[in-house]
Amino acid sequence: MDVIFNLAEKFVKPFISINAQKENRELVQLSVEIDQLVNNMTIIGYQNERQIVVPFYQIIRFYTQDKHVVCETVAGTYQVRQRMYELREQLSESTFIAVSNAEIVNKTAIKSFSLTNSGSYQIHLTTGATTYTSRRYVHHIKETFLK
């Protein structure tokens, strides 16, 4: 893929254009990711009565803990007000993957997989933490990573 700058004084505001023969799934996903980066999508996290703005690209995973949804980053963990189903709709599928009903992981934070005796996967994260897929999500993990 080539990156070409088209500079002209007639452009009052910068914009990004994707040029191709026809629209496909990868190009649509690329546009979503560019939009997220350019518009710096964020979520509000709560920690010790403080509100903290957390950019999506810093998030390692979302999971439920004590009936709350928690956002984990390298800097710490924060409670968020969104529900897991809302986050699944809001997050980019090329960046995040649901590994169970109670957890969504950033794909770039996944270090490796191990198959368990029960047939699910143990996921080793770059932070040193480990998590498990539910059996319902094993097929989706195989499709996405283990082709």
N, C-alpha and C. Protein backbone atom coordinates (compact mmCIF):
# COMPACT_ATOMS: atom_id res chain seq x y z
N MET A 1 0.85 -1.17 0.00
CA MET A 1 0.00 0.00 0.00
C MET A 1 0.90 1.23 0.00
N ASP A 2 0.60 2.15 -0.87
CA ASP A 2 1.37 3.38 -0.96
C ASP A 2 0.73 4.49 -0.15
N VAL A 3 1.54 5.38 0.36
CA VAL A 3 1.07 6.58 1.05
C VAL A 3 1.49 7.77 0.21
N ILE A 4 0.51 8.53 -0.24
CA ILE A 4 0.77 9.67 -1.12
C ILE A 4 0.19 10.93 -0.49
N PHE A 5 0.99 11.98 -0.47
CA PHE A 5 0.51 13.27 0.02
C PHE A 5 0.04 14.09 -1.18
N ASN A 6 -1.12 14.68 -1.05
CA ASN A 6 -1.66 15.56 -2.08
C ASN A 6 -1.83 16.92 -1.42
N LEU A 7 -0.86 17.79 -1.60
CA LEU A 7 -0.84 19.08 -0.94
C LEU A 7 -1.31 20.17 -1.90
N ALA A 8 -2.27 20.94 -1.45
CA ALA A 8 -2.78 22.06 -2.24
C ALA A 8 -3.41 23.08 -1.31
N GLU A 9 -3.33 24.34 -1.69
CA GLU A 9 -3.89 25.39 -0.86
C GLU A 9 -5.42 25.36 -0.81
N LYS A 10 -6.04 24.68 -1.77
CA LYS A 10 -7.51 24.62 -1.80
C LYS A 10 -8.07 23.78 -0.65
N PHE A 11 -7.24 22.92 -0.04
CA PHE A 11 -7.70 22.11 1.08
C PHE A 11 -7.62 22.95 2.36
N VAL A 12 -8.78 23.32 2.88
CA VAL A 12 -8.84 24.14 4.08
C VAL A 12 -8.54 23.29 5.32
N LYS A 13 -9.08 22.08 5.33
CA LYS A 13 -8.91 21.18 6.46
C LYS A 13 -8.33 19.85 5.95
N PRO A 14 -7.30 19.31 6.62
CA PRO A 14 -6.73 18.04 6.16
C PRO A 14 -7.75 16.90 6.25
N PHE A 15 -7.67 15.95 5.34
CA PHE A 15 -8.53 14.77 5.36
C PHE A 15 -7.76 13.59 4.79
N ILE A 16 -8.24 12.41 5.07
CA ILE A 16 -7.61 11.19 4.59
C ILE A 16 -8.56 10.53 3.61
N SER A 17 -8.01 10.10 2.48
CA SER A 17 -8.81 9.47 1.43
C SER A 17 -8.21 8.10 1.13
N ILE A 18 -9.07 7.09 1.00
CA ILE A 18 -8.62 5.75 0.63
C ILE A 18 -9.06 5.51 -0.81
N ASN A 19 -8.12 5.22 -1.68
CA ASN A 19 -8.41 5.00 -3.09
C ASN A 19 -8.18 3.53 -3.44
N ALA A 20 -9.19 2.90 -4.02
CA ALA A 20 -9.09 1.49 -4.39
C ALA A 20 -10.07 1.19 -5.50
N GLN A 21 -9.93 0.02 -6.13
CA GLN A 21 -10.85 -0.37 -7.20
C GLN A 21 -12.26 -0.60 -6.65
N LYS A 22 -12.35 -1.27 -5.48
CA LYS A 22 -13.65 -1.47 -4.87
C LYS A 22 -13.49 -1.61 -3.36
N GLU A 23 -14.57 -1.36 -2.65
CA GLU A 23 -14.54 -1.45 -1.20
C GLU A 23 -14.52 -2.92 -0.78
N ASN A 24 -13.67 -3.21 0.24
CA ASN A 24 -13.65 -4.56 0.79
C ASN A 24 -13.53 -4.46 2.31
N ARG A 25 -13.59 -5.60 2.94
CA ARG A 25 -13.61 -5.65 4.40
C ARG A 25 -12.35 -5.03 5.02
N GLU A 26 -11.20 -5.31 4.43
CA GLU A 26 -9.94 -4.78 4.97
C GLU A 26 -9.89 -3.26 4.89
N LEU A 27 -10.39 -2.71 3.80
CA LEU A 27 -10.38 -1.25 3.66
C LEU A 27 -11.35 -0.58 4.63
N VAL A 28 -12.48 -1.21 4.84
CA VAL A 28 -13.44 -0.66 5.81
C VAL A 28 -12.81 -0.69 7.21
N GLN A 29 -12.15 -1.80 7.54
CA GLN A 29 -11.51 -1.91 8.84
C GLN A 29 -10.37 -0.89 8.97
N LEU A 30 -9.61 -0.68 7.90
CA LEU A 30 -8.56 0.33 7.90
C LEU A 30 -9.13 1.71 8.18
N SER A 31 -10.26 2.01 7.57
CA SER A 31 -10.87 3.32 7.80
C SER A 31 -11.31 3.50 9.24
N VAL A 32 -11.82 2.42 9.85
CA VAL A 32 -12.22 2.48 11.26
C VAL A 32 -11.00 2.73 12.14
N GLU A 33 -9.91 2.02 11.87
CA GLU A 33 -8.70 2.19 12.68
C GLU A 33 -8.09 3.57 12.51
N ILE A 34 -8.08 4.08 11.31
CA ILE A 34 -7.57 5.43 11.08
C ILE A 34 -8.42 6.44 11.83
N ASP A 35 -9.73 6.25 11.77
CA ASP A 35 -10.64 7.15 12.49
C ASP A 35 -10.36 7.12 13.99
N GLN A 36 -10.13 5.93 14.54
CA GLN A 36 -9.85 5.83 15.96
C GLN A 36 -8.54 6.52 16.32
N LEU A 37 -7.52 6.34 15.50
CA LEU A 37 -6.24 6.98 15.78
C LEU A 37 -6.32 8.49 15.64
N VAL A 38 -6.97 8.93 14.57
CA VAL A 38 -7.04 10.37 14.32
C VAL A 38 -7.90 11.06 15.37
N ASN A 39 -9.01 10.44 15.69
CA ASN A 39 -9.93 11.05 16.65
C ASN A 39 -9.62 10.64 18.08
N ASN A 40 -8.56 9.85 18.26
CA ASN A 40 -8.05 9.47 19.57
C ASN A 40 -9.17 9.01 20.50
N MET A 41 -9.82 7.91 20.14
CA MET A 41 -10.93 7.41 20.93
C MET A 41 -10.46 7.08 22.34
N THR A 42 -11.25 7.48 23.30
CA THR A 42 -10.89 7.31 24.70
C THR A 42 -12.08 6.77 25.49
N ILE A 43 -11.80 6.37 26.70
CA ILE A 43 -12.83 5.93 27.63
C ILE A 43 -12.49 6.57 28.98
N ILE A 44 -13.50 6.83 29.76
CA ILE A 44 -13.28 7.40 31.09
C ILE A 44 -13.17 6.26 32.09
N GLY A 45 -12.06 6.25 32.83
CA GLY A 45 -11.85 5.26 33.88
C GLY A 45 -11.91 5.94 35.23
N TYR A 46 -12.31 5.18 36.23
CA TYR A 46 -12.44 5.72 37.58
C TYR A 46 -11.52 4.94 38.51
N GLN A 47 -10.74 5.70 39.30
CA GLN A 47 -9.81 5.09 40.24
C GLN A 47 -9.70 6.01 41.45
N ASN A 48 -10.03 5.50 42.62
CA ASN A 48 -9.94 6.28 43.87
C ASN A 48 -10.66 7.62 43.75
N GLU A 49 -11.90 7.59 43.30
CA GLU A 49 -12.74 8.79 43.18
C GLU A 49 -12.23 9.79 42.14
N ARG A 50 -11.28 9.39 41.31
CA ARG A 50 -10.76 10.26 40.25
C ARG A 50 -11.19 9.74 38.90
N GLN A 51 -11.47 10.66 37.99
CA GLN A 51 -11.77 10.30 36.61
C GLN A 51 -10.50 10.44 35.78
N ILE A 52 -10.20 9.43 34.98
CA ILE A 52 -8.99 9.42 34.17
C ILE A 52 -9.37 9.09 32.74
N VAL A 53 -8.87 9.87 31.80
CA VAL A 53 -9.12 9.62 30.38
C VAL A 53 -8.08 8.60 29.90
N VAL A 54 -8.58 7.47 29.38
CA VAL A 54 -7.69 6.38 28.94
C VAL A 54 -7.89 6.18 27.44
N PRO A 55 -6.85 6.42 26.63
CA PRO A 55 -6.95 6.15 25.19
C PRO A 55 -7.05 4.64 24.94
N PHE A 56 -7.84 4.24 23.95
CA PHE A 56 -8.02 2.83 23.64
C PHE A 56 -6.72 2.12 23.32
N TYR A 57 -5.77 2.81 22.70
CA TYR A 57 -4.53 2.13 22.31
C TYR A 57 -3.68 1.74 23.52
N GLN A 58 -3.94 2.30 24.70
CA GLN A 58 -3.20 1.94 25.90
C GLN A 58 -3.81 0.77 26.67
N ILE A 59 -5.00 0.36 26.27
CA ILE A 59 -5.73 -0.65 27.02
C ILE A 59 -5.23 -2.04 26.67
N ILE A 60 -4.97 -2.83 27.70
CA ILE A 60 -4.54 -4.22 27.54
C ILE A 60 -5.76 -5.13 27.48
N ARG A 61 -6.70 -4.93 28.40
CA ARG A 61 -7.91 -5.74 28.40
C ARG A 61 -9.00 -5.11 29.25
N PHE A 62 -10.22 -5.54 28.99
CA PHE A 62 -11.37 -5.24 29.81
C PHE A 62 -11.84 -6.56 30.40
N TYR A 63 -12.23 -6.55 31.67
CA TYR A 63 -12.78 -7.76 32.29
C TYR A 63 -13.71 -7.37 33.42
N THR A 64 -14.53 -8.34 33.84
CA THR A 64 -15.45 -8.08 34.94
C THR A 64 -14.82 -8.56 36.24
N GLN A 65 -15.06 -7.77 37.28
CA GLN A 65 -14.54 -8.09 38.61
C GLN A 65 -15.52 -7.54 39.63
N ASP A 66 -16.06 -8.39 40.48
CA ASP A 66 -17.01 -7.96 41.51
C ASP A 66 -18.17 -7.15 40.93
N LYS A 67 -18.74 -7.63 39.85
CA LYS A 67 -19.88 -7.02 39.17
C LYS A 67 -19.58 -5.65 38.56
N HIS A 68 -18.30 -5.34 38.37
CA HIS A 68 -17.88 -4.10 37.72
C HIS A 68 -17.04 -4.45 36.50
N VAL A 69 -17.05 -3.56 35.51
CA VAL A 69 -16.18 -3.73 34.35
C VAL A 69 -14.90 -2.95 34.63
N VAL A 70 -13.78 -3.62 34.44
CA VAL A 70 -12.47 -3.04 34.75
C VAL A 70 -11.66 -2.94 33.47
N CYS A 71 -10.95 -1.85 33.32
CA CYS A 71 -10.06 -1.60 32.19
C CYS A 71 -8.63 -1.68 32.72
N GLU A 72 -7.81 -2.54 32.12
CA GLU A 72 -6.43 -2.69 32.57
C GLU A 72 -5.47 -2.08 31.56
N THR A 73 -4.56 -1.25 32.05
CA THR A 73 -3.48 -0.69 31.23
C THR A 73 -2.17 -0.99 31.94
N VAL A 74 -1.08 -0.62 31.32
CA VAL A 74 0.23 -0.79 31.96
C VAL A 74 0.31 0.10 33.19
N ALA A 75 -0.34 1.26 33.15
CA ALA A 75 -0.29 2.23 34.25
C ALA A 75 -1.16 1.83 35.43
N GLY A 76 -2.15 0.97 35.22
CA GLY A 76 -3.02 0.58 36.32
C GLY A 76 -4.35 0.07 35.83
N THR A 77 -5.25 -0.18 36.78
CA THR A 77 -6.59 -0.65 36.44
C THR A 77 -7.61 0.42 36.84
N TYR A 78 -8.66 0.51 36.04
CA TYR A 78 -9.69 1.52 36.24
C TYR A 78 -11.06 0.89 36.05
N GLN A 79 -12.02 1.31 36.85
CA GLN A 79 -13.39 0.88 36.62
C GLN A 79 -13.97 1.74 35.51
N VAL A 80 -14.81 1.14 34.68
CA VAL A 80 -15.49 1.89 33.63
C VAL A 80 -16.98 1.68 33.78
N ARG A 81 -17.75 2.60 33.27
CA ARG A 81 -19.20 2.54 33.44
C ARG A 81 -19.91 1.75 32.35
N GLN A 82 -19.23 1.49 31.23
CA GLN A 82 -19.84 0.73 30.14
C GLN A 82 -19.97 -0.73 30.53
N ARG A 83 -20.93 -1.39 29.92
CA ARG A 83 -21.11 -2.84 30.08
C ARG A 83 -20.30 -3.55 29.00
N MET A 84 -20.05 -4.82 29.20
CA MET A 84 -19.23 -5.58 28.26
C MET A 84 -19.84 -5.60 26.86
N TYR A 85 -21.15 -5.76 26.76
CA TYR A 85 -21.77 -5.78 25.43
C TYR A 85 -21.62 -4.44 24.72
N GLU A 86 -21.63 -3.33 25.47
CA GLU A 86 -21.42 -2.02 24.87
C GLU A 86 -19.99 -1.88 24.36
N LEU A 87 -19.04 -2.39 25.12
CA LEU A 87 -17.64 -2.33 24.71
C LEU A 87 -17.40 -3.18 23.46
N ARG A 88 -18.01 -4.37 23.39
CA ARG A 88 -17.86 -5.21 22.20
C ARG A 88 -18.32 -4.48 20.95
N GLU A 89 -19.40 -3.71 21.05
CA GLU A 89 -19.91 -2.96 19.91
C GLU A 89 -19.01 -1.78 19.58
N GLN A 90 -18.43 -1.17 20.59
CA GLN A 90 -17.65 0.06 20.42
C GLN A 90 -16.22 -0.20 19.95
N LEU A 91 -15.62 -1.32 20.34
CA LEU A 91 -14.21 -1.58 20.06
C LEU A 91 -14.00 -2.16 18.68
N SER A 92 -12.87 -1.84 18.08
CA SER A 92 -12.51 -2.35 16.77
C SER A 92 -12.16 -3.83 16.85
N GLU A 93 -12.75 -4.63 15.95
CA GLU A 93 -12.47 -6.06 15.94
C GLU A 93 -11.05 -6.39 15.49
N SER A 94 -10.41 -5.49 14.80
CA SER A 94 -9.03 -5.76 14.39
C SER A 94 -8.05 -5.47 15.51
N THR A 95 -8.47 -4.75 16.53
CA THR A 95 -7.60 -4.42 17.65
C THR A 95 -7.92 -5.22 18.90
N PHE A 96 -9.20 -5.47 19.16
CA PHE A 96 -9.63 -6.17 20.36
C PHE A 96 -10.38 -7.45 19.99
N ILE A 97 -10.30 -8.44 20.87
CA ILE A 97 -11.01 -9.70 20.65
C ILE A 97 -11.65 -10.15 21.96
N ALA A 98 -12.90 -10.57 21.88
CA ALA A 98 -13.59 -11.12 23.04
C ALA A 98 -13.11 -12.56 23.24
N VAL A 99 -12.65 -12.89 24.44
CA VAL A 99 -12.19 -14.24 24.73
C VAL A 99 -13.17 -14.99 25.63
N SER A 100 -14.13 -14.25 26.18
CA SER A 100 -15.22 -14.83 26.96
C SER A 100 -16.29 -13.75 27.09
N ASN A 101 -17.41 -14.09 27.71
CA ASN A 101 -18.44 -13.08 27.94
C ASN A 101 -17.96 -12.01 28.91
N ALA A 102 -16.95 -12.34 29.71
CA ALA A 102 -16.50 -11.45 30.76
C ALA A 102 -15.15 -10.80 30.48
N GLU A 103 -14.59 -10.99 29.25
CA GLU A 103 -13.27 -10.42 28.99
C GLU A 103 -13.05 -10.12 27.52
N ILE A 104 -12.46 -8.95 27.27
CA ILE A 104 -12.06 -8.51 25.94
C ILE A 104 -10.58 -8.13 26.03
N VAL A 105 -9.76 -8.65 25.10
CA VAL A 105 -8.31 -8.46 25.17
C VAL A 105 -7.83 -7.73 23.93
N ASN A 106 -6.85 -6.84 24.11
CA ASN A 106 -6.19 -6.17 23.01
C ASN A 106 -5.30 -7.21 22.32
N LYS A 107 -5.45 -7.37 21.02
CA LYS A 107 -4.69 -8.40 20.30
C LYS A 107 -3.18 -8.19 20.40
N THR A 108 -2.74 -6.95 20.47
CA THR A 108 -1.31 -6.69 20.54
C THR A 108 -0.73 -7.05 21.91
N ALA A 109 -1.59 -7.27 22.91
CA ALA A 109 -1.12 -7.64 24.25
C ALA A 109 -1.01 -9.14 24.43
N ILE A 110 -1.38 -9.92 23.40
CA ILE A 110 -1.32 -11.37 23.51
C ILE A 110 0.07 -11.84 23.11
N LYS A 111 0.70 -12.57 24.02
CA LYS A 111 2.05 -13.09 23.79
C LYS A 111 2.02 -14.49 23.19
N SER A 112 1.21 -15.38 23.79
CA SER A 112 1.13 -16.75 23.30
C SER A 112 -0.13 -17.44 23.80
N PHE A 113 -0.39 -18.63 23.25
CA PHE A 113 -1.53 -19.45 23.62
C PHE A 113 -1.03 -20.81 24.08
N SER A 114 -1.78 -21.43 25.00
CA SER A 114 -1.53 -22.81 25.40
C SER A 114 -2.88 -23.50 25.44
N LEU A 115 -2.93 -24.72 24.91
CA LEU A 115 -4.16 -25.50 24.94
C LEU A 115 -4.28 -26.18 26.29
N THR A 116 -5.45 -26.07 26.92
CA THR A 116 -5.66 -26.69 28.23
C THR A 116 -6.28 -28.08 28.05
N ASN A 117 -6.32 -28.86 29.10
CA ASN A 117 -6.91 -30.19 29.07
C ASN A 117 -8.40 -30.15 28.77
N SER A 118 -9.06 -29.06 29.12
CA SER A 118 -10.51 -28.95 28.91
C SER A 118 -10.85 -28.52 27.48
N GLY A 119 -9.85 -28.19 26.67
CA GLY A 119 -10.10 -27.81 25.28
C GLY A 119 -10.18 -26.31 25.06
N SER A 120 -10.00 -25.53 26.10
CA SER A 120 -9.97 -24.08 25.92
C SER A 120 -8.51 -23.63 25.83
N TYR A 121 -8.31 -22.35 25.62
CA TYR A 121 -6.95 -21.82 25.51
C TYR A 121 -6.59 -21.00 26.73
N GLN A 122 -5.35 -21.15 27.18
CA GLN A 122 -4.79 -20.26 28.17
C GLN A 122 -4.05 -19.18 27.39
N ILE A 123 -4.34 -17.93 27.67
CA ILE A 123 -3.74 -16.82 26.94
C ILE A 123 -2.71 -16.14 27.84
N HIS A 124 -1.49 -16.05 27.36
CA HIS A 124 -0.41 -15.39 28.09
C HIS A 124 -0.29 -13.97 27.51
N LEU A 125 -0.39 -12.98 28.38
CA LEU A 125 -0.32 -11.58 27.95
C LEU A 125 1.09 -11.04 28.12
N THR A 126 1.39 -9.97 27.41
CA THR A 126 2.71 -9.35 27.47
C THR A 126 3.02 -8.78 28.85
N THR A 127 2.00 -8.55 29.66
CA THR A 127 2.20 -8.02 31.01
C THR A 127 2.58 -9.10 32.01
N GLY A 128 2.54 -10.38 31.57
CA GLY A 128 2.83 -11.49 32.46
C GLY A 128 1.57 -12.13 33.01
N ALA A 129 0.43 -11.51 32.84
CA ALA A 129 -0.84 -12.07 33.30
C ALA A 129 -1.28 -13.19 32.36
N THR A 130 -2.10 -14.08 32.88
CA THR A 130 -2.69 -15.12 32.05
C THR A 130 -4.20 -15.09 32.23
N THR A 131 -4.89 -15.48 31.19
CA THR A 131 -6.34 -15.56 31.22
C THR A 131 -6.75 -16.76 30.39
N TYR A 132 -8.01 -17.10 30.45
CA TYR A 132 -8.51 -18.27 29.74
C TYR A 132 -9.69 -17.90 28.85
N THR A 133 -9.80 -18.59 27.73
CA THR A 133 -10.97 -18.42 26.89
C THR A 133 -12.07 -19.32 27.43
N SER A 134 -13.29 -18.93 27.19
CA SER A 134 -14.37 -19.86 27.48
C SER A 134 -14.49 -20.79 26.27
N ARG A 135 -15.09 -21.94 26.46
CA ARG A 135 -15.19 -22.90 25.36
C ARG A 135 -16.02 -22.34 24.22
N ARG A 136 -16.95 -21.47 24.53
CA ARG A 136 -17.80 -20.85 23.51
C ARG A 136 -16.98 -20.00 22.54
N TYR A 137 -15.86 -19.43 22.99
CA TYR A 137 -15.07 -18.52 22.17
C TYR A 137 -13.85 -19.18 21.52
N VAL A 138 -13.63 -20.47 21.75
CA VAL A 138 -12.45 -21.16 21.20
C VAL A 138 -12.44 -21.10 19.68
N HIS A 139 -13.59 -21.34 19.06
CA HIS A 139 -13.66 -21.33 17.59
C HIS A 139 -13.28 -19.95 17.04
N HIS A 140 -13.75 -18.90 17.67
CA HIS A 140 -13.44 -17.53 17.23
C HIS A 140 -11.94 -17.24 17.36
N ILE A 141 -11.33 -17.72 18.43
CA ILE A 141 -9.88 -17.53 18.64
C ILE A 141 -9.11 -18.28 17.54
N LYS A 142 -9.52 -19.50 17.25
CA LYS A 142 -8.86 -20.29 16.20
C LYS A 142 -8.96 -19.57 14.85
N GLU A 143 -10.13 -19.06 14.53
CA GLU A 143 -10.33 -18.35 13.26
C GLU A 143 -9.44 -17.12 13.17
N THR A 144 -9.32 -16.41 14.26
CA THR A 144 -8.60 -15.15 14.25
C THR A 144 -7.08 -15.32 14.28
N PHE A 145 -6.58 -16.20 15.14
CA PHE A 145 -5.14 -16.29 15.36
C PHE A 145 -4.48 -17.54 14.80
N LEU A 146 -5.16 -18.65 14.91
CA LEU A 146 -4.50 -19.92 14.66
C LEU A 146 -4.93 -20.54 13.34
N LYS A 147 -4.93 -19.76 12.30
CA LYS A 147 -5.35 -20.21 10.97
C LYS A 147 -4.40 -21.22 10.39
